[in-house]
């Protein structure tokens, strides 16, 4: 099945494509469970979710998905080390109280993690700030600055720098604009949003 035919947002389609069948995955901030349902139905993944919005949790449970209501900033600590093959954080990193700690928690509970986020260095955002002098409102940052849950506006370079600071290894990266994948060259200004696959560095990986 092609990515386009899944009906998923492009970053979610990439995640679906790269998760191994029959594996265990935790979707942090899973929303209405669209990715979890695809993982369950198409890859037979044991998919679990955590979501802060009670209405989204109800919609997930109505689909037979295993989702609990909770705050990822606080409640990931209740999951045991290495409980999942993958941890997924899609378009949520910028809402975390401490993105650095969130990344570390993802790679504590999962062997690998997929992280996507809106890229605040995208050229249209830069132009909006330059020409209007106001915080941009876009498809991937759709709420005004005083209403938004996005408290840490991150760029591609910021994320790559943070991964280096935390000794986290980036194994794959994808970039998207207008819901299409774009090349890596100039991604910090060309990409509307980004997706990274990360894991522990070899120095920090658990011994077999």
N, C-alpha and C. Protein backbone atom coordinates (compact mmCIF):
# COMPACT_ATOMS: atom_id res chain seq x y z
N UNK A 1 0.84 -1.19 0.00
CA UNK A 1 0.00 0.00 0.00
C UNK A 1 0.88 1.24 0.00
N UNK A 2 0.60 2.20 -0.91
CA UNK A 2 1.39 3.42 -0.97
C UNK A 2 1.02 4.32 0.20
N UNK A 3 1.95 5.24 0.54
CA UNK A 3 1.69 6.16 1.63
C UNK A 3 0.45 7.01 1.35
N UNK A 4 0.31 7.45 0.10
CA UNK A 4 -0.82 8.32 -0.25
C UNK A 4 -2.15 7.62 -0.03
N UNK A 5 -2.18 6.31 -0.23
CA UNK A 5 -3.45 5.59 -0.14
C UNK A 5 -3.87 5.29 1.30
N UNK A 6 -3.01 5.55 2.27
CA UNK A 6 -3.37 5.28 3.66
C UNK A 6 -4.37 6.28 4.20
N UNK A 7 -4.45 7.49 3.61
CA UNK A 7 -5.32 8.52 4.13
C UNK A 7 -4.77 9.23 5.34
N UNK A 8 -3.55 8.90 5.75
CA UNK A 8 -2.92 9.50 6.91
C UNK A 8 -2.15 10.76 6.52
N UNK A 9 -1.96 11.65 7.48
CA UNK A 9 -1.05 12.76 7.29
C UNK A 9 0.32 12.20 6.92
N UNK A 10 1.09 12.88 6.06
CA UNK A 10 2.32 12.27 5.55
C UNK A 10 3.30 11.76 6.60
N UNK A 11 3.49 12.50 7.70
CA UNK A 11 4.42 12.01 8.71
C UNK A 11 3.91 10.74 9.38
N UNK A 12 2.59 10.65 9.58
CA UNK A 12 2.01 9.44 10.16
C UNK A 12 2.13 8.26 9.20
N UNK A 13 1.97 8.54 7.91
CA UNK A 13 2.12 7.47 6.92
C UNK A 13 3.54 6.93 6.91
N UNK A 14 4.53 7.80 7.08
CA UNK A 14 5.93 7.35 7.15
C UNK A 14 6.15 6.49 8.38
N UNK A 15 5.60 6.93 9.51
CA UNK A 15 5.74 6.14 10.74
C UNK A 15 5.12 4.75 10.55
N UNK A 16 3.92 4.71 10.00
CA UNK A 16 3.26 3.43 9.73
C UNK A 16 4.13 2.55 8.86
N UNK A 17 4.75 3.14 7.87
CA UNK A 17 5.57 2.39 6.92
C UNK A 17 6.82 1.80 7.57
N UNK A 18 7.34 2.46 8.62
CA UNK A 18 8.63 2.07 9.18
C UNK A 18 8.54 1.27 10.48
N UNK A 19 7.35 1.07 11.00
CA UNK A 19 7.20 0.27 12.21
C UNK A 19 7.02 -1.19 11.82
N UNK A 20 7.75 -2.05 12.50
CA UNK A 20 7.74 -3.48 12.17
C UNK A 20 6.41 -4.13 12.57
N UNK A 21 5.90 -5.02 11.72
CA UNK A 21 4.67 -5.74 12.07
C UNK A 21 4.84 -6.51 13.38
N UNK A 22 3.77 -6.54 14.16
CA UNK A 22 3.78 -7.32 15.39
C UNK A 22 4.56 -6.72 16.54
N UNK A 23 5.04 -5.50 16.38
CA UNK A 23 5.84 -4.87 17.43
C UNK A 23 4.91 -4.18 18.44
N UNK A 24 5.52 -3.57 19.45
CA UNK A 24 4.78 -2.86 20.49
C UNK A 24 5.07 -1.37 20.35
N UNK A 25 4.03 -0.54 20.38
CA UNK A 25 4.23 0.90 20.18
C UNK A 25 3.37 1.69 21.15
N UNK A 26 3.93 2.78 21.64
CA UNK A 26 3.20 3.72 22.49
C UNK A 26 3.09 5.04 21.75
N UNK A 27 1.86 5.48 21.51
CA UNK A 27 1.60 6.75 20.83
C UNK A 27 1.29 7.80 21.90
N UNK A 28 2.23 8.71 22.08
CA UNK A 28 2.12 9.72 23.13
C UNK A 28 1.44 10.96 22.54
N UNK A 29 0.29 11.33 23.11
CA UNK A 29 -0.51 12.38 22.51
C UNK A 29 -1.18 11.86 21.26
N UNK A 30 -1.88 10.77 21.39
CA UNK A 30 -2.37 10.00 20.24
C UNK A 30 -3.59 10.62 19.55
N UNK A 31 -4.16 11.69 20.12
CA UNK A 31 -5.31 12.33 19.49
C UNK A 31 -6.48 11.37 19.38
N UNK A 32 -7.09 11.33 18.20
CA UNK A 32 -8.26 10.48 18.01
C UNK A 32 -7.91 9.05 17.62
N UNK A 33 -6.61 8.71 17.65
CA UNK A 33 -6.19 7.32 17.46
C UNK A 33 -6.06 6.86 16.03
N UNK A 34 -6.00 7.81 15.06
CA UNK A 34 -5.96 7.40 13.66
C UNK A 34 -4.71 6.58 13.34
N UNK A 35 -3.57 6.95 13.89
CA UNK A 35 -2.35 6.17 13.64
C UNK A 35 -2.41 4.83 14.37
N UNK A 36 -2.87 4.83 15.59
CA UNK A 36 -2.98 3.57 16.35
C UNK A 36 -3.86 2.56 15.62
N UNK A 37 -4.99 3.03 15.10
CA UNK A 37 -5.90 2.13 14.39
C UNK A 37 -5.22 1.55 13.15
N UNK A 38 -4.46 2.38 12.42
CA UNK A 38 -3.76 1.89 11.23
C UNK A 38 -2.68 0.89 11.61
N UNK A 39 -1.95 1.16 12.68
CA UNK A 39 -0.92 0.23 13.14
C UNK A 39 -1.54 -1.11 13.54
N UNK A 40 -2.65 -1.06 14.23
CA UNK A 40 -3.33 -2.29 14.66
C UNK A 40 -3.86 -3.06 13.46
N UNK A 41 -4.54 -2.38 12.55
CA UNK A 41 -5.25 -3.05 11.47
C UNK A 41 -4.33 -3.48 10.33
N UNK A 42 -3.28 -2.70 10.06
CA UNK A 42 -2.43 -2.98 8.91
C UNK A 42 -1.11 -3.67 9.27
N UNK A 43 -0.66 -3.49 10.51
CA UNK A 43 0.62 -4.06 10.91
C UNK A 43 0.52 -5.01 12.10
N UNK A 44 -0.70 -5.22 12.62
CA UNK A 44 -0.92 -6.06 13.78
C UNK A 44 -0.01 -5.67 14.96
N UNK A 45 0.16 -4.36 15.10
CA UNK A 45 0.99 -3.80 16.17
C UNK A 45 0.16 -3.75 17.46
N UNK A 46 0.80 -4.09 18.57
CA UNK A 46 0.20 -3.91 19.89
C UNK A 46 0.37 -2.44 20.25
N UNK A 47 -0.61 -1.62 19.86
CA UNK A 47 -0.51 -0.16 19.98
C UNK A 47 -1.25 0.32 21.21
N UNK A 48 -0.56 1.09 22.02
CA UNK A 48 -1.15 1.71 23.20
C UNK A 48 -1.02 3.23 23.07
N UNK A 49 -1.88 3.97 23.77
CA UNK A 49 -1.84 5.41 23.65
C UNK A 49 -2.04 6.12 24.97
N UNK A 50 -1.55 7.34 25.02
CA UNK A 50 -1.81 8.25 26.15
C UNK A 50 -2.21 9.59 25.56
N UNK A 51 -3.29 10.16 26.08
CA UNK A 51 -3.85 11.39 25.50
C UNK A 51 -4.48 12.22 26.62
N UNK A 52 -4.24 13.52 26.59
CA UNK A 52 -4.74 14.39 27.67
C UNK A 52 -6.19 14.80 27.46
N UNK A 53 -6.67 14.81 26.21
CA UNK A 53 -8.02 15.27 25.89
C UNK A 53 -9.02 14.14 26.10
N UNK A 54 -9.96 14.35 27.03
CA UNK A 54 -10.93 13.31 27.36
C UNK A 54 -11.80 12.91 26.19
N UNK A 55 -12.19 13.89 25.35
CA UNK A 55 -13.01 13.57 24.19
C UNK A 55 -12.29 12.68 23.21
N UNK A 56 -11.00 12.94 22.99
CA UNK A 56 -10.21 12.08 22.10
C UNK A 56 -10.07 10.68 22.67
N UNK A 57 -9.89 10.60 23.99
CA UNK A 57 -9.78 9.28 24.63
C UNK A 57 -11.06 8.48 24.41
N UNK A 58 -12.21 9.12 24.54
CA UNK A 58 -13.49 8.43 24.32
C UNK A 58 -13.60 7.93 22.89
N UNK A 59 -13.17 8.74 21.92
CA UNK A 59 -13.24 8.31 20.52
C UNK A 59 -12.30 7.12 20.27
N UNK A 60 -11.15 7.13 20.91
CA UNK A 60 -10.22 6.01 20.77
C UNK A 60 -10.80 4.73 21.35
N UNK A 61 -11.34 4.84 22.55
CA UNK A 61 -11.90 3.66 23.21
C UNK A 61 -13.07 3.10 22.41
N UNK A 62 -13.86 3.98 21.79
CA UNK A 62 -14.99 3.54 20.96
C UNK A 62 -14.53 2.72 19.77
N UNK A 63 -13.27 2.90 19.35
CA UNK A 63 -12.70 2.12 18.25
C UNK A 63 -12.02 0.85 18.74
N UNK A 64 -12.10 0.60 20.04
CA UNK A 64 -11.46 -0.58 20.60
C UNK A 64 -9.97 -0.40 20.83
N UNK A 65 -9.50 0.86 20.89
CA UNK A 65 -8.08 1.13 21.08
C UNK A 65 -7.76 1.24 22.57
N UNK A 66 -6.55 0.84 22.92
CA UNK A 66 -6.11 0.85 24.31
C UNK A 66 -5.44 2.20 24.61
N UNK A 67 -6.24 3.14 25.12
CA UNK A 67 -5.77 4.50 25.37
C UNK A 67 -6.16 4.91 26.78
N UNK A 68 -5.23 5.56 27.47
CA UNK A 68 -5.51 6.09 28.79
C UNK A 68 -5.42 7.60 28.75
N UNK A 69 -6.20 8.25 29.60
CA UNK A 69 -6.12 9.69 29.70
C UNK A 69 -4.99 10.05 30.66
N UNK A 70 -4.09 10.92 30.20
CA UNK A 70 -2.98 11.31 31.05
C UNK A 70 -2.18 12.43 30.43
N UNK A 71 -1.35 13.04 31.25
CA UNK A 71 -0.46 14.12 30.85
C UNK A 71 0.92 13.53 30.62
N UNK A 72 1.39 13.54 29.38
CA UNK A 72 2.67 12.90 29.05
C UNK A 72 3.83 13.54 29.82
N UNK A 73 3.74 14.83 30.11
CA UNK A 73 4.80 15.49 30.86
C UNK A 73 5.01 14.84 32.23
N UNK A 74 3.94 14.28 32.76
CA UNK A 74 3.98 13.73 34.11
C UNK A 74 3.88 12.20 34.13
N UNK A 75 3.03 11.65 33.25
CA UNK A 75 2.63 10.25 33.41
C UNK A 75 3.49 9.24 32.67
N UNK A 76 4.38 9.68 31.78
CA UNK A 76 5.29 8.72 31.16
C UNK A 76 6.18 8.03 32.18
N UNK A 77 6.39 8.68 33.30
CA UNK A 77 7.25 8.10 34.34
C UNK A 77 6.68 6.81 34.90
N UNK A 78 5.38 6.57 34.71
CA UNK A 78 4.77 5.35 35.24
C UNK A 78 5.01 4.13 34.35
N UNK A 79 5.51 4.34 33.13
CA UNK A 79 5.78 3.22 32.23
C UNK A 79 7.17 2.65 32.53
N UNK A 80 7.31 1.33 32.52
CA UNK A 80 8.62 0.73 32.82
C UNK A 80 9.61 0.92 31.69
N UNK A 81 10.88 0.80 32.01
CA UNK A 81 11.94 0.90 31.02
C UNK A 81 11.76 -0.16 29.94
N UNK A 82 11.94 0.24 28.69
CA UNK A 82 11.93 -0.71 27.58
C UNK A 82 10.62 -1.43 27.37
N UNK A 83 9.51 -0.82 27.77
CA UNK A 83 8.21 -1.50 27.65
C UNK A 83 7.74 -1.61 26.20
N UNK A 84 8.28 -0.77 25.30
CA UNK A 84 7.81 -0.73 23.91
C UNK A 84 8.99 -0.77 22.94
N UNK A 85 8.71 -1.27 21.75
CA UNK A 85 9.71 -1.24 20.68
C UNK A 85 9.83 0.18 20.13
N UNK A 86 8.69 0.90 20.09
CA UNK A 86 8.67 2.26 19.54
C UNK A 86 7.84 3.16 20.45
N UNK A 87 8.31 4.40 20.60
CA UNK A 87 7.51 5.46 21.20
C UNK A 87 7.31 6.52 20.12
N UNK A 88 6.11 7.05 20.03
CA UNK A 88 5.74 7.99 18.96
C UNK A 88 5.27 9.29 19.60
N UNK A 89 5.83 10.39 19.13
CA UNK A 89 5.43 11.72 19.58
C UNK A 89 5.21 12.58 18.34
N UNK A 90 3.96 12.66 17.91
CA UNK A 90 3.65 13.30 16.64
C UNK A 90 3.02 14.67 16.85
N UNK A 91 3.73 15.71 16.38
CA UNK A 91 3.26 17.10 16.44
C UNK A 91 2.92 17.51 17.88
N UNK A 92 3.72 17.02 18.83
CA UNK A 92 3.43 17.26 20.25
C UNK A 92 4.64 17.79 21.01
N UNK A 93 5.84 17.62 20.47
CA UNK A 93 7.05 18.02 21.19
C UNK A 93 6.99 19.48 21.63
N UNK A 94 6.44 20.34 20.77
CA UNK A 94 6.41 21.77 21.07
C UNK A 94 5.45 22.12 22.20
N UNK A 95 4.61 21.17 22.62
CA UNK A 95 3.70 21.42 23.74
C UNK A 95 4.25 20.91 25.06
N UNK A 96 5.36 20.19 25.02
CA UNK A 96 5.93 19.61 26.24
C UNK A 96 6.53 20.70 27.12
N UNK A 97 6.40 20.52 28.45
CA UNK A 97 6.99 21.48 29.37
C UNK A 97 8.51 21.50 29.23
N UNK A 98 9.10 20.31 29.09
CA UNK A 98 10.54 20.20 28.90
C UNK A 98 10.80 19.21 27.76
N UNK A 99 10.94 19.69 26.54
CA UNK A 99 11.17 18.78 25.41
C UNK A 99 12.38 17.87 25.59
N UNK A 100 13.43 18.36 26.25
CA UNK A 100 14.61 17.53 26.47
C UNK A 100 14.28 16.32 27.33
N UNK A 101 13.53 16.55 28.40
CA UNK A 101 13.15 15.43 29.27
C UNK A 101 12.16 14.49 28.58
N UNK A 102 11.29 15.08 27.74
CA UNK A 102 10.34 14.25 27.00
C UNK A 102 11.08 13.28 26.08
N UNK A 103 12.09 13.76 25.36
CA UNK A 103 12.87 12.88 24.48
C UNK A 103 13.54 11.78 25.27
N UNK A 104 14.10 12.12 26.40
CA UNK A 104 14.76 11.11 27.22
C UNK A 104 13.77 10.06 27.73
N UNK A 105 12.56 10.50 28.08
CA UNK A 105 11.54 9.56 28.52
C UNK A 105 11.08 8.65 27.38
N UNK A 106 10.94 9.21 26.18
CA UNK A 106 10.56 8.39 25.04
C UNK A 106 11.54 7.25 24.83
N UNK A 107 12.83 7.56 24.96
CA UNK A 107 13.85 6.54 24.73
C UNK A 107 14.16 5.72 25.98
N UNK A 108 13.50 6.03 27.05
CA UNK A 108 13.54 5.15 28.21
C UNK A 108 12.47 4.06 28.08
N UNK A 109 11.26 4.46 27.66
CA UNK A 109 10.17 3.48 27.56
C UNK A 109 10.18 2.74 26.23
N UNK A 110 10.82 3.32 25.19
CA UNK A 110 10.88 2.68 23.88
C UNK A 110 12.31 2.50 23.40
N UNK A 111 12.55 1.46 22.62
CA UNK A 111 13.89 1.25 22.07
C UNK A 111 14.21 2.30 21.01
N UNK A 112 13.19 2.72 20.27
CA UNK A 112 13.35 3.75 19.25
C UNK A 112 12.17 4.70 19.37
N UNK A 113 12.32 5.90 18.78
CA UNK A 113 11.23 6.87 18.85
C UNK A 113 11.09 7.60 17.52
N UNK A 114 9.85 7.94 17.19
CA UNK A 114 9.54 8.82 16.07
C UNK A 114 9.00 10.13 16.64
N UNK A 115 9.59 11.24 16.20
CA UNK A 115 9.20 12.55 16.72
C UNK A 115 8.97 13.49 15.54
N UNK A 116 7.77 14.07 15.46
CA UNK A 116 7.51 15.08 14.42
C UNK A 116 7.06 16.37 15.08
N UNK A 117 7.31 17.49 14.39
CA UNK A 117 6.98 18.80 14.97
C UNK A 117 6.91 19.85 13.85
N UNK A 118 6.13 20.92 14.06
CA UNK A 118 6.15 22.04 13.11
C UNK A 118 7.50 22.75 13.18
N UNK A 119 8.03 23.11 12.03
CA UNK A 119 9.34 23.76 11.97
C UNK A 119 9.15 25.27 11.97
N UNK A 120 9.51 25.91 13.06
CA UNK A 120 9.27 27.34 13.20
C UNK A 120 10.20 28.18 12.32
N UNK A 121 11.23 27.55 11.74
CA UNK A 121 12.12 28.28 10.84
C UNK A 121 11.65 28.23 9.38
N UNK A 122 10.51 27.63 9.12
CA UNK A 122 9.95 27.58 7.76
C UNK A 122 9.86 29.00 7.19
N UNK A 123 10.17 29.14 5.92
CA UNK A 123 10.33 30.47 5.36
C UNK A 123 9.08 31.32 5.45
N UNK A 124 7.91 30.72 5.36
CA UNK A 124 6.69 31.52 5.45
C UNK A 124 6.52 32.12 6.86
N UNK A 125 6.97 31.38 7.86
CA UNK A 125 6.92 31.91 9.22
C UNK A 125 7.91 33.06 9.37
N UNK A 126 9.10 32.87 8.82
CA UNK A 126 10.10 33.94 8.87
C UNK A 126 9.56 35.20 8.19
N UNK A 127 8.92 35.01 7.02
CA UNK A 127 8.42 36.16 6.29
C UNK A 127 7.29 36.85 7.04
N UNK A 128 6.43 36.05 7.68
CA UNK A 128 5.33 36.63 8.45
C UNK A 128 5.86 37.49 9.59
N UNK A 129 6.88 36.99 10.28
CA UNK A 129 7.46 37.78 11.37
C UNK A 129 8.12 39.04 10.83
N UNK A 130 8.83 38.91 9.71
CA UNK A 130 9.54 40.05 9.14
C UNK A 130 8.59 41.11 8.60
N UNK A 131 7.56 40.66 7.87
CA UNK A 131 6.69 41.62 7.19
C UNK A 131 5.57 42.16 8.07
N UNK A 132 5.08 41.33 8.99
CA UNK A 132 3.95 41.75 9.82
C UNK A 132 4.34 42.01 11.27
N UNK A 133 5.47 41.44 11.69
CA UNK A 133 5.90 41.62 13.07
C UNK A 133 5.02 40.93 14.08
N UNK A 134 4.31 39.86 13.62
CA UNK A 134 3.39 39.15 14.52
C UNK A 134 3.67 37.65 14.44
N UNK A 135 3.31 36.92 15.51
CA UNK A 135 3.49 35.48 15.52
C UNK A 135 2.61 34.85 14.45
N UNK A 136 3.16 33.98 13.61
CA UNK A 136 2.40 33.41 12.49
C UNK A 136 1.30 32.45 12.95
N UNK A 137 0.27 32.37 12.14
CA UNK A 137 -0.77 31.35 12.26
C UNK A 137 -0.77 30.58 10.95
N UNK A 138 -0.51 29.27 11.01
CA UNK A 138 -0.41 28.45 9.81
C UNK A 138 -1.21 27.16 10.00
N UNK A 139 -1.18 26.30 8.97
CA UNK A 139 -1.89 25.02 9.07
C UNK A 139 -1.37 24.17 10.23
N UNK A 140 -0.05 24.22 10.47
CA UNK A 140 0.54 23.38 11.51
C UNK A 140 0.78 24.12 12.81
N UNK A 141 0.55 25.44 12.81
CA UNK A 141 0.51 26.24 14.04
C UNK A 141 -0.75 27.10 13.92
N UNK A 142 -1.94 26.46 14.06
CA UNK A 142 -3.17 27.12 13.63
C UNK A 142 -3.83 28.05 14.64
N UNK A 143 -3.24 28.21 15.82
CA UNK A 143 -3.89 28.96 16.88
C UNK A 143 -3.06 30.19 17.22
N UNK A 144 -3.72 31.28 17.56
CA UNK A 144 -3.01 32.51 17.90
C UNK A 144 -2.13 32.31 19.12
N UNK A 145 -1.13 33.19 19.25
CA UNK A 145 -0.10 33.02 20.27
C UNK A 145 -0.67 32.96 21.69
N UNK A 146 -1.77 33.64 21.94
CA UNK A 146 -2.30 33.68 23.31
C UNK A 146 -3.23 32.51 23.62
N UNK A 147 -3.60 31.73 22.61
CA UNK A 147 -4.45 30.56 22.82
C UNK A 147 -3.68 29.24 22.69
N UNK A 148 -2.52 29.28 22.05
CA UNK A 148 -1.86 28.04 21.66
C UNK A 148 -1.33 27.23 22.85
N UNK A 149 -1.32 25.93 22.67
CA UNK A 149 -0.64 25.04 23.62
C UNK A 149 0.83 24.88 23.28
N UNK A 150 1.25 25.43 22.14
CA UNK A 150 2.64 25.32 21.72
C UNK A 150 3.49 26.33 22.51
N UNK A 151 4.30 25.82 23.40
CA UNK A 151 5.07 26.70 24.28
C UNK A 151 6.55 26.71 23.96
N UNK A 152 7.01 25.80 23.08
CA UNK A 152 8.41 25.77 22.67
C UNK A 152 8.45 25.67 21.15
N UNK A 153 8.67 26.79 20.48
CA UNK A 153 8.73 26.78 19.03
C UNK A 153 10.11 26.29 18.60
N UNK A 154 10.14 25.13 17.97
CA UNK A 154 11.39 24.44 17.67
C UNK A 154 11.64 24.44 16.16
N UNK A 155 12.91 24.47 15.78
CA UNK A 155 13.30 24.38 14.37
C UNK A 155 14.01 23.06 14.12
N UNK A 156 14.23 22.76 12.86
CA UNK A 156 14.97 21.55 12.50
C UNK A 156 16.36 21.57 13.14
N UNK A 157 17.03 22.69 13.03
CA UNK A 157 18.37 22.79 13.61
C UNK A 157 18.34 22.69 15.13
N UNK A 158 17.32 23.27 15.75
CA UNK A 158 17.20 23.16 17.20
C UNK A 158 17.11 21.69 17.62
N UNK A 159 16.27 20.94 16.91
CA UNK A 159 16.08 19.53 17.28
C UNK A 159 17.38 18.75 17.09
N UNK A 160 18.04 18.96 15.98
CA UNK A 160 19.29 18.25 15.73
C UNK A 160 20.34 18.60 16.79
N UNK A 161 20.38 19.85 17.19
CA UNK A 161 21.31 20.28 18.23
C UNK A 161 20.97 19.64 19.57
N UNK A 162 19.68 19.59 19.90
CA UNK A 162 19.25 18.96 21.15
C UNK A 162 19.61 17.48 21.16
N UNK A 163 19.37 16.80 20.04
CA UNK A 163 19.73 15.38 19.97
C UNK A 163 21.22 15.19 20.24
N UNK A 164 22.05 16.05 19.68
CA UNK A 164 23.48 15.97 19.93
C UNK A 164 23.81 16.21 21.39
N UNK A 165 23.17 17.20 22.00
CA UNK A 165 23.41 17.50 23.41
C UNK A 165 23.03 16.34 24.32
N UNK A 166 21.97 15.61 23.94
CA UNK A 166 21.49 14.49 24.76
C UNK A 166 22.12 13.16 24.37
N UNK A 167 23.05 13.19 23.41
CA UNK A 167 23.70 11.98 22.92
C UNK A 167 22.67 10.99 22.36
N UNK A 168 21.72 11.54 21.61
CA UNK A 168 20.69 10.74 20.95
C UNK A 168 21.06 10.63 19.48
N UNK A 169 20.98 9.42 18.95
CA UNK A 169 21.36 9.17 17.56
C UNK A 169 20.14 9.34 16.65
N UNK A 170 20.30 10.13 15.60
CA UNK A 170 19.26 10.29 14.58
C UNK A 170 19.54 9.31 13.46
N UNK A 171 18.61 8.39 13.21
CA UNK A 171 18.83 7.38 12.17
C UNK A 171 18.11 7.72 10.87
N UNK A 172 17.02 8.47 10.95
CA UNK A 172 16.28 8.87 9.75
C UNK A 172 15.64 10.23 9.98
N UNK A 173 15.44 10.95 8.89
CA UNK A 173 14.75 12.23 8.97
C UNK A 173 13.97 12.45 7.68
N UNK A 174 12.80 13.04 7.82
CA UNK A 174 11.94 13.34 6.69
C UNK A 174 11.40 14.75 6.87
N UNK A 175 11.16 15.44 5.75
CA UNK A 175 10.69 16.82 5.80
C UNK A 175 9.51 16.99 4.85
N UNK A 176 8.55 17.85 5.25
CA UNK A 176 7.30 17.98 4.51
C UNK A 176 6.90 19.44 4.35
N UNK A 177 6.36 19.74 3.17
CA UNK A 177 5.78 21.05 2.87
C UNK A 177 4.57 20.82 1.97
N UNK A 178 3.48 21.52 2.28
CA UNK A 178 2.24 21.33 1.51
C UNK A 178 1.84 19.87 1.44
N UNK A 179 2.06 19.16 2.56
CA UNK A 179 1.70 17.75 2.71
C UNK A 179 2.45 16.84 1.74
N UNK A 180 3.60 17.30 1.26
CA UNK A 180 4.45 16.47 0.41
C UNK A 180 5.85 16.43 0.99
N UNK A 181 6.52 15.31 0.78
CA UNK A 181 7.89 15.18 1.28
C UNK A 181 8.84 16.02 0.42
N UNK A 182 9.76 16.72 1.08
CA UNK A 182 10.76 17.51 0.39
C UNK A 182 12.14 17.02 0.78
N UNK A 183 13.14 17.38 -0.01
CA UNK A 183 14.49 16.90 0.24
C UNK A 183 15.12 17.52 1.47
N UNK A 184 16.24 16.93 1.88
CA UNK A 184 16.92 17.36 3.09
C UNK A 184 17.66 18.69 2.91
N UNK A 185 18.09 18.98 1.70
CA UNK A 185 18.85 20.21 1.45
C UNK A 185 18.00 21.45 1.77
N UNK A 186 18.52 22.31 2.65
CA UNK A 186 17.81 23.52 3.02
C UNK A 186 16.55 23.29 3.82
N UNK A 187 16.44 22.12 4.46
CA UNK A 187 15.19 21.77 5.14
C UNK A 187 14.85 22.73 6.27
N UNK A 188 15.84 23.36 6.89
CA UNK A 188 15.54 24.23 8.02
C UNK A 188 14.69 25.43 7.62
N UNK A 189 14.76 25.85 6.36
CA UNK A 189 13.88 26.93 5.91
C UNK A 189 12.82 26.47 4.93
N UNK A 190 13.00 25.29 4.32
CA UNK A 190 12.05 24.81 3.31
C UNK A 190 10.92 23.96 3.89
N UNK A 191 11.13 23.35 5.05
CA UNK A 191 10.17 22.37 5.58
C UNK A 191 9.15 23.02 6.51
N UNK A 192 7.88 22.72 6.26
CA UNK A 192 6.81 23.15 7.17
C UNK A 192 6.87 22.37 8.47
N UNK A 193 7.11 21.07 8.35
CA UNK A 193 7.28 20.26 9.55
C UNK A 193 8.22 19.11 9.24
N UNK A 194 8.72 18.50 10.32
CA UNK A 194 9.78 17.50 10.21
C UNK A 194 9.43 16.27 11.02
N UNK A 195 10.02 15.15 10.62
CA UNK A 195 9.89 13.89 11.34
C UNK A 195 11.28 13.27 11.48
N UNK A 196 11.60 12.85 12.70
CA UNK A 196 12.88 12.21 12.97
C UNK A 196 12.64 10.84 13.61
N UNK A 197 13.47 9.87 13.21
CA UNK A 197 13.55 8.60 13.93
C UNK A 197 14.84 8.62 14.73
N UNK A 198 14.73 8.38 16.03
CA UNK A 198 15.89 8.49 16.91
C UNK A 198 16.02 7.25 17.79
N UNK A 199 17.21 7.07 18.32
CA UNK A 199 17.49 5.97 19.24
C UNK A 199 18.61 6.37 20.18
N UNK A 200 18.88 5.52 21.12
CA UNK A 200 20.00 5.76 22.01
C UNK A 200 21.30 5.65 21.23
N UNK A 201 22.28 6.45 21.60
CA UNK A 201 23.59 6.29 21.00
C UNK A 201 24.16 4.95 21.41
N UNK A 202 25.15 4.45 20.65
CA UNK A 202 25.73 3.15 20.96
C UNK A 202 26.32 3.12 22.36
N UNK A 203 26.80 4.29 22.83
CA UNK A 203 27.39 4.34 24.15
C UNK A 203 26.36 4.16 25.26
N UNK A 204 25.08 4.56 24.95
CA UNK A 204 24.05 4.49 25.97
C UNK A 204 23.07 3.34 25.75
N UNK A 205 23.23 2.62 24.65
CA UNK A 205 22.31 1.52 24.38
C UNK A 205 22.48 0.43 25.42
N UNK A 206 21.39 -0.21 25.86
CA UNK A 206 21.50 -1.27 26.85
C UNK A 206 22.22 -2.48 26.27
N UNK A 207 22.93 -3.15 27.12
CA UNK A 207 23.68 -4.33 26.68
C UNK A 207 22.72 -5.51 26.47
N UNK A 208 23.00 -6.30 25.43
CA UNK A 208 22.14 -7.47 25.16
C UNK A 208 22.40 -8.55 26.18
